[in-house]
Amino acid sequence: MNLYGYDNPQYDLYIRQQNEKKNIRLLSNAAGLCVMGYVLIQNIISVIILLTPLGELYNTSPSVQSVITIFYSVLSLLIPFGIAGFYLEKKTGTDVFKFNKPVSTPLMITAAALGFFVCLAGNYITSVFVNVMDSAGVTLSSPEYSVPGDLGGRLVYVISVAVVPALVEEFAIRGAVLQPLRRYGDRFAILASALVFAVLHGNLIQAPFALIAGVGIGYAVCITNSIWTGILIHFCNNFYAVATEFMIADITDEKTLNIVYYATMAALYAVTIAGSAAFVVLKKKRRLMPSFTALSEGKKMKAFVLTIPMIIGFIMMLYITSQYVDFR
């Protein structure tokens, strides 16, 4: 019964759609403000470093650079996404930070293998994209960090590149962004959170990869019902990147480097493909949460993307991205 005193299915559907759009926009506003906060905090830290002796140390010491990078990651992500997460937890009643035990350990391990395989494929697709852009006269770049040569420096480097980002980025994206969106269907939540994940990376080398990887990680998190699965995949991917950097720095003979690199890649593909096959068997009847909403996938995505905070966040990150594009 509606306010006119009789049943009207079309009116009820309209009201339901409007309420769902309103709720999705609330989540979008939170995510957009988080992106804006992420950029603002990083700029504040950059100014502090620039105006203090830390600036010279950052440019000359790889170890200091790694330590500062840790602070960048923790402060710029945990502050805005943490505040948003706790707000949304109270507002929506969602268990935003689902660091609970996965439904099964074997499923988590094999889901991680699948997610890492998606990351490897994403790396390959991104490299093809970069080469195509380069052949078209557009050079794409990304932030570069000095690789330490000493053991202590390398341990800190691993923590700054592989451990900390895996924890704080999964907390932010697969926690504060993905979990509240799941009530509107897992497929939508995975794609929307992957989009935010891509935007945060701020350059056209890392962003396309992050979009692909974000879909794989989001799927694994939803299937296992645990953010720990995303952390494991994220760590494996970033550690692989760090190990490759160490390999390039340490093996000076090009022929030997190629042999070691391609042998490593062959082993990784073999393990992740076998793990992905095992995942298909183990997941059995587990499925993504379907959408029981009145909105189509397109309308949900439109409601999520087209809010003022999200648009401003996108524009801010596009400006940062433009700094890493060179037109020849």
C-alpha atoms as a PDB file:
ATOM      1  CA  MET A   1       0.000   0.000   0.000  1.00  0.00           C
ATOM      2  CA  ASN A   2       1.446   3.400  -0.958  1.00  0.00           C
ATOM      3  CA  LEU A   3       0.518   6.969  -0.057  1.00  0.00           C
ATOM      4  CA  TYR A   4      -2.369   6.910  -2.553  1.00  0.00           C
ATOM      5  CA  GLY A   5      -4.001   4.067  -0.645  1.00  0.00           C
ATOM      6  CA  TYR A   6      -3.700   1.349  -3.288  1.00  0.00           C
ATOM      7  CA  ASP A   7      -1.104  -1.007  -4.655  1.00  0.00           C
ATOM      8  CA  ASN A   8       0.931   0.327  -7.544  1.00  0.00           C
ATOM      9  CA  PRO A   9       3.841  -1.956  -8.511  1.00  0.00           C
ATOM     10  CA  GLN A  10       5.385   0.645 -10.821  1.00  0.00           C
ATOM     11  CA  TYR A  11       5.358   3.301  -8.117  1.00  0.00           C
ATOM     12  CA  ASP A  12       6.824   0.862  -5.572  1.00  0.00           C
ATOM     13  CA  LEU A  13       9.567  -0.062  -8.041  1.00  0.00           C
ATOM     14  CA  TYR A  14      10.348   3.622  -8.637  1.00  0.00           C
ATOM     15  CA  ILE A  15      10.633   4.322  -4.898  1.00  0.00           C
ATOM     16  CA  ARG A  16      12.869   1.296  -4.444  1.00  0.00           C
ATOM     17  CA  GLN A  17      15.118   2.402  -7.306  1.00  0.00           C
ATOM     18  CA  GLN A  18      15.399   5.919  -5.880  1.00  0.00           C
ATOM     19  CA  ASN A  19      16.320   4.581  -2.442  1.00  0.00           C
ATOM     20  CA  GLU A  20      18.967   2.292  -3.919  1.00  0.00           C
ATOM     21  CA  LYS A  21      20.448   5.141  -5.974  1.00  0.00           C
ATOM     22  CA  LYS A  22      20.541   7.283  -2.832  1.00  0.00           C
ATOM     23  CA  ASN A  23      22.353   4.583  -0.867  1.00  0.00           C
ATOM     24  CA  ILE A  24      24.858   3.904  -3.674  1.00  0.00           C
ATOM     25  CA  ARG A  25      25.549   7.634  -3.958  1.00  0.00           C
ATOM     26  CA  LEU A  26      26.261   7.691  -0.227  1.00  0.00           C
ATOM     27  CA  LEU A  27      28.907   4.992  -0.731  1.00  0.00           C
ATOM     28  CA  SER A  28      30.235   6.838  -3.767  1.00  0.00           C
ATOM     29  CA  ASN A  29      30.511  10.095  -1.812  1.00  0.00           C
ATOM     30  CA  ALA A  30      32.496   8.282   0.865  1.00  0.00           C
ATOM     31  CA  ALA A  31      34.832   6.674  -1.691  1.00  0.00           C
ATOM     32  CA  GLY A  32      35.285   9.954  -3.579  1.00  0.00           C
ATOM     33  CA  LEU A  33      36.123  11.841  -0.395  1.00  0.00           C
ATOM     34  CA  CYS A  34      38.624   9.108   0.440  1.00  0.00           C
ATOM     35  CA  VAL A  35      40.367   9.579  -2.922  1.00  0.00           C
ATOM     36  CA  MET A  36      40.477  13.331  -2.313  1.00  0.00           C
ATOM     37  CA  GLY A  37      41.829  12.772   1.200  1.00  0.00           C
ATOM     38  CA  TYR A  38      44.435  10.369  -0.163  1.00  0.00           C
ATOM     39  CA  VAL A  39      45.749  13.021  -2.573  1.00  0.00           C
ATOM     40  CA  LEU A  40      45.610  15.791   0.047  1.00  0.00           C
ATOM     41  CA  ILE A  41      47.536  13.841   2.696  1.00  0.00           C
ATOM     42  CA  GLN A  42      50.178  12.760   0.198  1.00  0.00           C
ATOM     43  CA  ASN A  43      50.686  16.388  -0.852  1.00  0.00           C
ATOM     44  CA  ILE A  44      50.955  17.542   2.763  1.00  0.00           C
ATOM     45  CA  ILE A  45      53.599  14.877   3.452  1.00  0.00           C
ATOM     46  CA  SER A  46      55.448  15.858   0.265  1.00  0.00           C
ATOM     47  CA  VAL A  47      55.554  19.522   1.331  1.00  0.00           C
ATOM     48  CA  ILE A  48      56.848  18.566   4.783  1.00  0.00           C
ATOM     49  CA  ILE A  49      59.590  16.432   3.231  1.00  0.00           C
ATOM     50  CA  LEU A  50      60.483  19.168   0.747  1.00  0.00           C
ATOM     51  CA  LEU A  51      60.812  21.842   3.434  1.00  0.00           C
ATOM     52  CA  THR A  52      62.903  19.751   5.853  1.00  0.00           C
ATOM     53  CA  PRO A  53      66.232  17.886   5.730  1.00  0.00           C
ATOM     54  CA  LEU A  54      64.215  14.773   4.939  1.00  0.00           C
ATOM     55  CA  GLY A  55      64.067  15.944   1.321  1.00  0.00           C
ATOM     56  CA  GLU A  56      67.764  15.448   0.743  1.00  0.00           C
ATOM     57  CA  LEU A  57      67.761  12.123   2.592  1.00  0.00           C
ATOM     58  CA  TYR A  58      64.788  10.960   0.517  1.00  0.00           C
ATOM     59  CA  ASN A  59      66.656  11.669  -2.717  1.00  0.00           C
ATOM     60  CA  THR A  60      69.994  10.200  -1.623  1.00  0.00           C
ATOM     61  CA  SER A  61      69.176   7.246   0.655  1.00  0.00           C
ATOM     62  CA  PRO A  62      67.121   4.302  -0.675  1.00  0.00           C
ATOM     63  CA  SER A  63      66.485   3.107   2.890  1.00  0.00           C
ATOM     64  CA  VAL A  64      65.110   6.492   3.985  1.00  0.00           C
ATOM     65  CA  GLN A  65      63.022   6.545   0.796  1.00  0.00           C
ATOM     66  CA  SER A  66      61.536   3.157   1.741  1.00  0.00           C
ATOM     67  CA  VAL A  67      60.726   4.281   5.298  1.00  0.00           C
ATOM     68  CA  ILE A  68      59.046   7.474   4.062  1.00  0.00           C
ATOM     69  CA  THR A  69      57.110   5.445   1.487  1.00  0.00           C
ATOM     70  CA  ILE A  70      55.727   3.349   4.361  1.00  0.00           C
ATOM     71  CA  PHE A  71      54.461   6.513   6.071  1.00  0.00           C
ATOM     72  CA  TYR A  72      52.995   7.699   2.755  1.00  0.00           C
ATOM     73  CA  SER A  73      51.030   4.465   2.369  1.00  0.00           C
ATOM     74  CA  VAL A  74      49.844   4.175   5.952  1.00  0.00           C
ATOM     75  CA  LEU A  75      48.797   7.775   6.570  1.00  0.00           C
ATOM     76  CA  SER A  76      47.288   8.558   3.158  1.00  0.00           C
ATOM     77  CA  LEU A  77      45.187   5.394   3.093  1.00  0.00           C
ATOM     78  CA  LEU A  78      44.369   4.527   6.698  1.00  0.00           C
ATOM     79  CA  ILE A  79      43.212   8.008   7.711  1.00  0.00           C
ATOM     80  CA  PRO A  80      40.572   8.702   5.005  1.00  0.00           C
ATOM     81  CA  PHE A  81      39.501   5.109   4.339  1.00  0.00           C
ATOM     82  CA  GLY A  82      39.548   4.244   8.039  1.00  0.00           C
ATOM     83  CA  ILE A  83      37.252   7.147   8.896  1.00  0.00           C
ATOM     84  CA  ALA A  84      34.958   6.285   5.971  1.00  0.00           C
ATOM     85  CA  GLY A  85      34.934   2.613   6.898  1.00  0.00           C
ATOM     86  CA  PHE A  86      33.863   3.190  10.495  1.00  0.00           C
ATOM     87  CA  TYR A  87      31.251   5.710   9.352  1.00  0.00           C
ATOM     88  CA  LEU A  88      29.807   3.297   6.792  1.00  0.00           C
ATOM     89  CA  GLU A  89      29.881   0.460   9.307  1.00  0.00           C
ATOM     90  CA  LYS A  90      27.565   2.459  11.573  1.00  0.00           C
ATOM     91  CA  LYS A  91      25.489   3.906   8.724  1.00  0.00           C
ATOM     92  CA  THR A  92      24.895   0.671   6.785  1.00  0.00           C
ATOM     93  CA  GLY A  93      25.363  -2.000   9.456  1.00  0.00           C
ATOM     94  CA  THR A  94      27.920  -3.735   7.212  1.00  0.00           C
ATOM     95  CA  ASP A  95      30.923  -5.563   8.631  1.00  0.00           C
ATOM     96  CA  VAL A  96      33.230  -3.325   6.591  1.00  0.00           C
ATOM     97  CA  PHE A  97      36.602  -4.693   7.671  1.00  0.00           C
ATOM     98  CA  LYS A  98      36.050  -8.407   7.112  1.00  0.00           C
ATOM     99  CA  PHE A  99      39.393  -9.705   8.356  1.00  0.00           C
ATOM    100  CA  ASN A 100      37.655 -12.896   9.398  1.00  0.00           C
ATOM    101  CA  LYS A 101      38.841 -16.422   8.789  1.00  0.00           C
ATOM    102  CA  PRO A 102      38.194 -17.576   5.191  1.00  0.00           C
ATOM    103  CA  VAL A 103      35.543 -20.249   4.659  1.00  0.00           C
ATOM    104  CA  SER A 104      38.355 -22.777   4.180  1.00  0.00           C
ATOM    105  CA  THR A 105      42.146 -22.604   4.081  1.00  0.00           C
ATOM    106  CA  PRO A 106      42.534 -24.745   0.900  1.00  0.00           C
ATOM    107  CA  LEU A 107      39.984 -22.547  -0.864  1.00  0.00           C
ATOM    108  CA  MET A 108      41.885 -19.432   0.234  1.00  0.00           C
ATOM    109  CA  ILE A 109      45.223 -20.789  -1.046  1.00  0.00           C
ATOM    110  CA  THR A 110      43.809 -21.834  -4.415  1.00  0.00           C
ATOM    111  CA  ALA A 111      41.838 -18.572  -4.725  1.00  0.00           C
ATOM    112  CA  ALA A 112      45.112 -16.757  -4.087  1.00  0.00           C
ATOM    113  CA  ALA A 113      46.686 -18.775  -6.916  1.00  0.00           C
ATOM    114  CA  LEU A 114      43.847 -17.706  -9.214  1.00  0.00           C
ATOM    115  CA  GLY A 115      44.188 -14.077  -8.129  1.00  0.00           C
ATOM    116  CA  PHE A 116      47.953 -14.124  -8.665  1.00  0.00           C
ATOM    117  CA  PHE A 117      47.430 -15.639 -12.129  1.00  0.00           C
ATOM    118  CA  VAL A 118      45.109 -12.708 -12.944  1.00  0.00           C
ATOM    119  CA  CYS A 119      47.849 -10.342 -11.722  1.00  0.00           C
ATOM    120  CA  LEU A 120      50.439 -12.025 -13.970  1.00  0.00           C
ATOM    121  CA  ALA A 121      48.050 -11.766 -16.920  1.00  0.00           C
ATOM    122  CA  GLY A 122      47.393  -8.138 -15.991  1.00  0.00           C
ATOM    123  CA  ASN A 123      51.125  -7.415 -16.036  1.00  0.00           C
ATOM    124  CA  TYR A 124      51.392  -8.894 -19.525  1.00  0.00           C
ATOM    125  CA  ILE A 125      48.354  -6.982 -20.834  1.00  0.00           C
ATOM    126  CA  THR A 126      49.713  -3.763 -19.348  1.00  0.00           C
ATOM    127  CA  SER A 127      53.118  -4.267 -20.979  1.00  0.00           C
ATOM    128  CA  VAL A 128      51.398  -4.747 -24.358  1.00  0.00           C
ATOM    129  CA  PHE A 129      49.378  -1.561 -23.755  1.00  0.00           C
ATOM    130  CA  VAL A 130      52.533   0.402 -22.871  1.00  0.00           C
ATOM    131  CA  ASN A 131      54.308  -0.851 -26.016  1.00  0.00           C
ATOM    132  CA  VAL A 132      51.330   0.051 -28.214  1.00  0.00           C
ATOM    133  CA  MET A 133      51.205   3.545 -26.724  1.00  0.00           C
ATOM    134  CA  ASP A 134      54.958   3.916 -27.198  1.00  0.00           C
ATOM    135  CA  SER A 135      54.698   2.944 -30.871  1.00  0.00           C
ATOM    136  CA  ALA A 136      52.006   5.616 -31.211  1.00  0.00           C
ATOM    137  CA  GLY A 137      54.397   8.238 -29.840  1.00  0.00           C
ATOM    138  CA  VAL A 138      53.079   8.313 -26.272  1.00  0.00           C
ATOM    139  CA  THR A 139      55.587   7.435 -23.534  1.00  0.00           C
ATOM    140  CA  LEU A 140      54.062   6.252 -20.271  1.00  0.00           C
ATOM    141  CA  SER A 141      55.981   6.206 -17.001  1.00  0.00           C
ATOM    142  CA  SER A 142      55.397   5.526 -13.308  1.00  0.00           C
ATOM    143  CA  PRO A 143      57.119   6.541 -10.040  1.00  0.00           C
ATOM    144  CA  GLU A 144      60.570   5.008  -9.695  1.00  0.00           C
ATOM    145  CA  TYR A 145      62.265   3.994  -6.467  1.00  0.00           C
ATOM    146  CA  SER A 146      65.918   3.254  -5.780  1.00  0.00           C
ATOM    147  CA  VAL A 147      66.644  -0.410  -5.049  1.00  0.00           C
ATOM    148  CA  PRO A 148      68.914  -0.755  -1.972  1.00  0.00           C
ATOM    149  CA  GLY A 149      72.022  -2.912  -2.277  1.00  0.00           C
ATOM    150  CA  ASP A 150      72.434  -3.932   1.369  1.00  0.00           C
ATOM    151  CA  LEU A 151      70.439  -6.617   3.166  1.00  0.00           C
ATOM    152  CA  GLY A 152      68.891  -4.278   5.752  1.00  0.00           C
ATOM    153  CA  GLY A 153      67.845  -1.798   3.097  1.00  0.00           C
ATOM    154  CA  ARG A 154      66.295  -4.559   1.021  1.00  0.00           C
ATOM    155  CA  LEU A 155      64.293  -5.857   3.975  1.00  0.00           C
ATOM    156  CA  VAL A 156      62.857  -2.380   4.530  1.00  0.00           C
ATOM    157  CA  TYR A 157      62.213  -2.114   0.783  1.00  0.00           C
ATOM    158  CA  VAL A 158      60.236  -5.394   0.817  1.00  0.00           C
ATOM    159  CA  ILE A 159      58.189  -4.103   3.752  1.00  0.00           C
ATOM    160  CA  SER A 160      57.495  -0.784   2.004  1.00  0.00           C
ATOM    161  CA  VAL A 161      56.558  -2.287  -1.371  1.00  0.00           C
ATOM    162  CA  ALA A 162      55.110  -5.724  -0.597  1.00  0.00           C
ATOM    163  CA  VAL A 163      53.955  -5.914   3.034  1.00  0.00           C
ATOM    164  CA  VAL A 164      52.524  -2.493   3.916  1.00  0.00           C
ATOM    165  CA  PRO A 165      50.646  -1.843   0.627  1.00  0.00           C
ATOM    166  CA  ALA A 166      49.117  -5.324   0.775  1.00  0.00           C
ATOM    167  CA  LEU A 167      47.720  -4.603   4.222  1.00  0.00           C
ATOM    168  CA  VAL A 168      46.611  -0.984   3.930  1.00  0.00           C
ATOM    169  CA  GLU A 169      45.356  -1.060   0.321  1.00  0.00           C
ATOM    170  CA  GLU A 170      43.266  -4.175   0.952  1.00  0.00           C
ATOM    171  CA  PHE A 171      41.959  -2.624   4.173  1.00  0.00           C
ATOM    172  CA  ALA A 172      40.928   0.427   2.141  1.00  0.00           C
ATOM    173  CA  ILE A 173      39.656  -1.031  -1.135  1.00  0.00           C
ATOM    174  CA  ARG A 174      38.398  -4.517  -0.323  1.00  0.00           C
ATOM    175  CA  GLY A 175      37.265  -3.295   3.106  1.00  0.00           C
ATOM    176  CA  ALA A 176      35.906   0.251   3.140  1.00  0.00           C
ATOM    177  CA  VAL A 177      34.862   0.265  -0.541  1.00  0.00           C
ATOM    178  CA  LEU A 178      33.940  -3.284  -1.558  1.00  0.00           C
ATOM    179  CA  GLN A 179      32.161  -4.625   1.542  1.00  0.00           C
ATOM    180  CA  PRO A 180      29.373  -2.001   1.783  1.00  0.00           C
ATOM    181  CA  LEU A 181      28.760  -2.342  -1.971  1.00  0.00           C
ATOM    182  CA  ARG A 182      28.191  -6.107  -1.764  1.00  0.00           C
ATOM    183  CA  ARG A 183      24.553  -5.644  -0.747  1.00  0.00           C
ATOM    184  CA  TYR A 184      23.996  -4.477  -4.355  1.00  0.00           C
ATOM    185  CA  GLY A 185      25.558  -7.611  -5.818  1.00  0.00           C
ATOM    186  CA  ASP A 186      29.110  -8.929  -5.754  1.00  0.00           C
ATOM    187  CA  ARG A 187      29.745  -8.332  -9.452  1.00  0.00           C
ATOM    188  CA  PHE A 188      28.942  -4.647  -9.110  1.00  0.00           C
ATOM    189  CA  ALA A 189      30.949  -4.375  -5.869  1.00  0.00           C
ATOM    190  CA  ILE A 190      33.990  -6.037  -7.446  1.00  0.00           C
ATOM    191  CA  LEU A 191      33.980  -3.814 -10.532  1.00  0.00           C
ATOM    192  CA  ALA A 192      33.277  -0.565  -8.649  1.00  0.00           C
ATOM    193  CA  SER A 193      36.013  -1.232  -6.062  1.00  0.00           C
ATOM    194  CA  ALA A 194      38.460  -2.221  -8.816  1.00  0.00           C
ATOM    195  CA  LEU A 195      37.752   1.115 -10.509  1.00  0.00           C
ATOM    196  CA  VAL A 196      38.624   3.018  -7.311  1.00  0.00           C
ATOM    197  CA  PHE A 197      41.714   0.811  -6.917  1.00  0.00           C
ATOM    198  CA  ALA A 198      42.827   1.751 -10.440  1.00  0.00           C
ATOM    199  CA  VAL A 199      42.185   5.464  -9.929  1.00  0.00           C
ATOM    200  CA  LEU A 200      44.333   5.509  -6.769  1.00  0.00           C
ATOM    201  CA  HIS A 201      47.409   4.370  -8.702  1.00  0.00           C
ATOM    202  CA  GLY A 202      47.617   7.636 -10.629  1.00  0.00           C
ATOM    203  CA  ASN A 203      49.487   6.639 -13.797  1.00  0.00           C
ATOM    204  CA  LEU A 204      48.681   4.755 -17.001  1.00  0.00           C
ATOM    205  CA  ILE A 205      51.102   1.922 -16.286  1.00  0.00           C
ATOM    206  CA  GLN A 206      49.851   0.935 -12.848  1.00  0.00           C
ATOM    207  CA  ALA A 207      46.189   1.951 -13.251  1.00  0.00           C
ATOM    208  CA  PRO A 208      45.227  -0.498 -16.066  1.00  0.00           C
ATOM    209  CA  PHE A 209      47.008  -3.274 -14.199  1.00  0.00           C
ATOM    210  CA  ALA A 210      45.254  -2.312 -10.945  1.00  0.00           C
ATOM    211  CA  LEU A 211      41.858  -2.474 -12.666  1.00  0.00           C
ATOM    212  CA  ILE A 212      42.534  -6.027 -13.891  1.00  0.00           C
ATOM    213  CA  ALA A 213      44.145  -7.144 -10.641  1.00  0.00           C
ATOM    214  CA  GLY A 214      41.361  -5.481  -8.647  1.00  0.00           C
ATOM    215  CA  VAL A 215      38.741  -7.622 -10.372  1.00  0.00           C
ATOM    216  CA  GLY A 216      40.703 -10.811  -9.626  1.00  0.00           C
ATOM    217  CA  ILE A 217      41.412  -9.866  -6.013  1.00  0.00           C
ATOM    218  CA  GLY A 218      37.838  -8.719  -5.413  1.00  0.00           C
ATOM    219  CA  TYR A 219      36.472 -11.992  -6.775  1.00  0.00           C
ATOM    220  CA  ALA A 220      38.777 -14.028  -4.523  1.00  0.00           C
ATOM    221  CA  VAL A 221      37.820 -11.958  -1.471  1.00  0.00           C
ATOM    222  CA  CYS A 222      34.089 -12.393  -2.150  1.00  0.00           C
ATOM    223  CA  ILE A 223      34.333 -16.136  -2.787  1.00  0.00           C
ATOM    224  CA  THR A 224      36.375 -16.804   0.370  1.00  0.00           C
ATOM    225  CA  ASN A 225      34.547 -14.109   2.363  1.00  0.00           C
ATOM    226  CA  SER A 226      37.825 -12.800   3.788  1.00  0.00           C
ATOM    227  CA  ILE A 227      40.063  -9.811   3.103  1.00  0.00           C
ATOM    228  CA  TRP A 228      43.032 -11.973   4.125  1.00  0.00           C
ATOM    229  CA  THR A 229      42.782 -13.636   0.719  1.00  0.00           C
ATOM    230  CA  GLY A 230      43.211 -10.252  -0.957  1.00  0.00           C
ATOM    231  CA  ILE A 231      46.171  -9.447   1.273  1.00  0.00           C
ATOM    232  CA  LEU A 232      47.847 -12.733   0.307  1.00  0.00           C
ATOM    233  CA  ILE A 233      47.361 -12.099  -3.441  1.00  0.00           C
ATOM    234  CA  HIS A 234      48.474  -8.482  -3.139  1.00  0.00           C
ATOM    235  CA  PHE A 235      51.605  -9.493  -1.227  1.00  0.00           C
ATOM    236  CA  CYS A 236      52.496 -12.227  -3.744  1.00  0.00           C
ATOM    237  CA  ASN A 237      52.171  -9.813  -6.673  1.00  0.00           C
ATOM    238  CA  ASN A 238      54.185  -7.025  -5.050  1.00  0.00           C
ATOM    239  CA  PHE A 239      56.848  -9.412  -3.762  1.00  0.00           C
ATOM    240  CA  TYR A 240      57.173 -10.815  -7.274  1.00  0.00           C
ATOM    241  CA  ALA A 241      57.751  -7.254  -8.536  1.00  0.00           C
ATOM    242  CA  VAL A 242      60.384  -6.629  -5.831  1.00  0.00           C
ATOM    243  CA  ALA A 243      62.120  -9.945  -6.512  1.00  0.00           C
ATOM    244  CA  THR A 244      62.278  -9.042 -10.217  1.00  0.00           C
ATOM    245  CA  GLU A 245      63.888  -5.710  -9.356  1.00  0.00           C
ATOM    246  CA  PHE A 246      66.482  -7.465  -7.183  1.00  0.00           C
ATOM    247  CA  MET A 247      67.116  -9.949  -9.987  1.00  0.00           C
ATOM    248  CA  ILE A 248      67.731  -7.168 -12.522  1.00  0.00           C
ATOM    249  CA  ALA A 249      70.030  -5.337 -10.079  1.00  0.00           C
ATOM    250  CA  ASP A 250      72.087  -8.411  -9.166  1.00  0.00           C
ATOM    251  CA  ILE A 251      72.413 -10.332 -12.444  1.00  0.00           C
ATOM    252  CA  THR A 252      74.563  -8.232 -14.740  1.00  0.00           C
ATOM    253  CA  ASP A 253      74.888 -10.763 -17.566  1.00  0.00           C
ATOM    254  CA  GLU A 254      71.913 -10.257 -19.892  1.00  0.00           C
ATOM    255  CA  LYS A 255      71.816 -13.858 -21.133  1.00  0.00           C
ATOM    256  CA  THR A 256      71.803 -15.252 -17.600  1.00  0.00           C
ATOM    257  CA  LEU A 257      69.185 -12.714 -16.556  1.00  0.00           C
ATOM    258  CA  ASN A 258      66.869 -13.768 -19.401  1.00  0.00           C
ATOM    259  CA  ILE A 259      67.262 -17.460 -18.538  1.00  0.00           C
ATOM    260  CA  VAL A 260      66.519 -16.892 -14.847  1.00  0.00           C
ATOM    261  CA  TYR A 261      63.617 -14.536 -15.568  1.00  0.00           C
ATOM    262  CA  TYR A 262      61.840 -16.769 -18.096  1.00  0.00           C
ATOM    263  CA  ALA A 263      62.401 -19.862 -15.963  1.00  0.00           C
ATOM    264  CA  THR A 264      60.859 -18.031 -13.003  1.00  0.00           C
ATOM    265  CA  MET A 265      57.894 -16.882 -15.085  1.00  0.00           C
ATOM    266  CA  ALA A 266      57.324 -20.409 -16.419  1.00  0.00           C
ATOM    267  CA  ALA A 267      57.308 -21.756 -12.860  1.00  0.00           C
ATOM    268  CA  LEU A 268      54.917 -19.061 -11.651  1.00  0.00           C
ATOM    269  CA  TYR A 269      52.487 -19.646 -14.508  1.00  0.00           C
ATOM    270  CA  ALA A 270      52.611 -23.407 -13.937  1.00  0.00           C
ATOM    271  CA  VAL A 271      51.899 -23.056 -10.199  1.00  0.00           C
ATOM    272  CA  THR A 272      49.145 -20.450 -10.598  1.00  0.00           C
ATOM    273  CA  ILE A 273      47.404 -22.346 -13.417  1.00  0.00           C
ATOM    274  CA  ALA A 274      47.473 -25.566 -11.380  1.00  0.00           C
ATOM    275  CA  GLY A 275      46.202 -23.663  -8.338  1.00  0.00           C
ATOM    276  CA  SER A 276      43.439 -22.060 -10.406  1.00  0.00           C
ATOM    277  CA  ALA A 277      42.327 -25.491 -11.625  1.00  0.00           C
ATOM    278  CA  ALA A 278      42.261 -26.735  -8.014  1.00  0.00           C
ATOM    279  CA  PHE A 279      40.203 -23.676  -7.062  1.00  0.00           C
ATOM    280  CA  VAL A 280      37.541 -24.529  -9.646  1.00  0.00           C
ATOM    281  CA  VAL A 281      37.228 -27.977  -8.051  1.00  0.00           C
ATOM    282  CA  LEU A 282      37.264 -26.775  -4.433  1.00  0.00           C
ATOM    283  CA  LYS A 283      34.823 -23.910  -4.735  1.00  0.00           C
ATOM    284  CA  LYS A 284      32.054 -26.358  -5.683  1.00  0.00           C
ATOM    285  CA  LYS A 285      28.734 -24.568  -5.233  1.00  0.00           C
ATOM    286  CA  ARG A 286      30.135 -21.306  -3.864  1.00  0.00           C
ATOM    287  CA  ARG A 287      28.957 -18.422  -6.010  1.00  0.00           C
ATOM    288  CA  LEU A 288      29.154 -14.671  -5.980  1.00  0.00           C
ATOM    289  CA  MET A 289      26.300 -12.979  -4.140  1.00  0.00           C
ATOM    290  CA  PRO A 290      23.658 -12.180  -6.769  1.00  0.00           C
ATOM    291  CA  SER A 291      22.021  -8.795  -7.161  1.00  0.00           C
ATOM    292  CA  PHE A 292      18.527  -8.507  -5.706  1.00  0.00           C
ATOM    293  CA  THR A 293      18.280  -4.831  -6.524  1.00  0.00           C
ATOM    294  CA  ALA A 294      15.779  -2.933  -8.634  1.00  0.00           C
ATOM    295  CA  LEU A 295      18.564  -1.261 -10.607  1.00  0.00           C
ATOM    296  CA  SER A 296      20.443  -2.611 -13.622  1.00  0.00           C
ATOM    297  CA  GLU A 297      24.233  -2.973 -13.433  1.00  0.00           C
ATOM    298  CA  GLY A 298      24.622   0.077 -15.658  1.00  0.00           C
ATOM    299  CA  LYS A 299      22.396   2.272 -13.479  1.00  0.00           C
ATOM    300  CA  LYS A 300      24.212   1.157 -10.339  1.00  0.00           C
ATOM    301  CA  MET A 301      27.584   2.012 -11.880  1.00  0.00           C
ATOM    302  CA  LYS A 302      26.260   5.374 -13.101  1.00  0.00           C
ATOM    303  CA  ALA A 303      25.010   6.190  -9.597  1.00  0.00           C
ATOM    304  CA  PHE A 304      28.387   5.220  -8.136  1.00  0.00           C
ATOM    305  CA  VAL A 305      30.583   7.112 -10.598  1.00  0.00           C
ATOM    306  CA  LEU A 306      28.569  10.302 -11.132  1.00  0.00           C
ATOM    307  CA  THR A 307      28.732  12.009  -7.752  1.00  0.00           C
ATOM    308  CA  ILE A 308      30.560  15.275  -7.091  1.00  0.00           C
ATOM    309  CA  PRO A 309      33.207  13.858  -4.698  1.00  0.00           C
ATOM    310  CA  MET A 310      33.918  10.932  -7.025  1.00  0.00           C
ATOM    311  CA  ILE A 311      34.206  13.191 -10.094  1.00  0.00           C
ATOM    312  CA  ILE A 312      36.529  15.581  -8.211  1.00  0.00           C
ATOM    313  CA  GLY A 313      38.603  12.616  -7.037  1.00  0.00           C
ATOM    314  CA  PHE A 314      38.840  11.330 -10.605  1.00  0.00           C
ATOM    315  CA  ILE A 315      39.889  14.768 -11.881  1.00  0.00           C
ATOM    316  CA  MET A 316      42.583  15.072  -9.199  1.00  0.00           C
ATOM    317  CA  MET A 317      43.998  11.665 -10.082  1.00  0.00           C
ATOM    318  CA  LEU A 318      43.789  12.409 -13.820  1.00  0.00           C
ATOM    319  CA  TYR A 319      45.915  15.497 -13.251  1.00  0.00           C
ATOM    320  CA  ILE A 320      48.494  13.382 -11.398  1.00  0.00           C
ATOM    321  CA  THR A 321      48.328  10.789 -14.171  1.00  0.00           C
ATOM    322  CA  SER A 322      49.047  13.466 -16.789  1.00  0.00           C
ATOM    323  CA  GLN A 323      52.447  14.065 -15.161  1.00  0.00           C
ATOM    324  CA  TYR A 324      53.488  10.564 -16.224  1.00  0.00           C
ATOM    325  CA  VAL A 325      52.509  10.894 -19.894  1.00  0.00           C
ATOM    326  CA  ASP A 326      54.884  12.283 -22.511  1.00  0.00           C
ATOM    327  CA  PHE A 327      53.709  13.017 -26.068  1.00  0.00           C
ATOM    328  CA  ARG A 328      56.571  12.866 -28.560  1.00  0.00           C
END
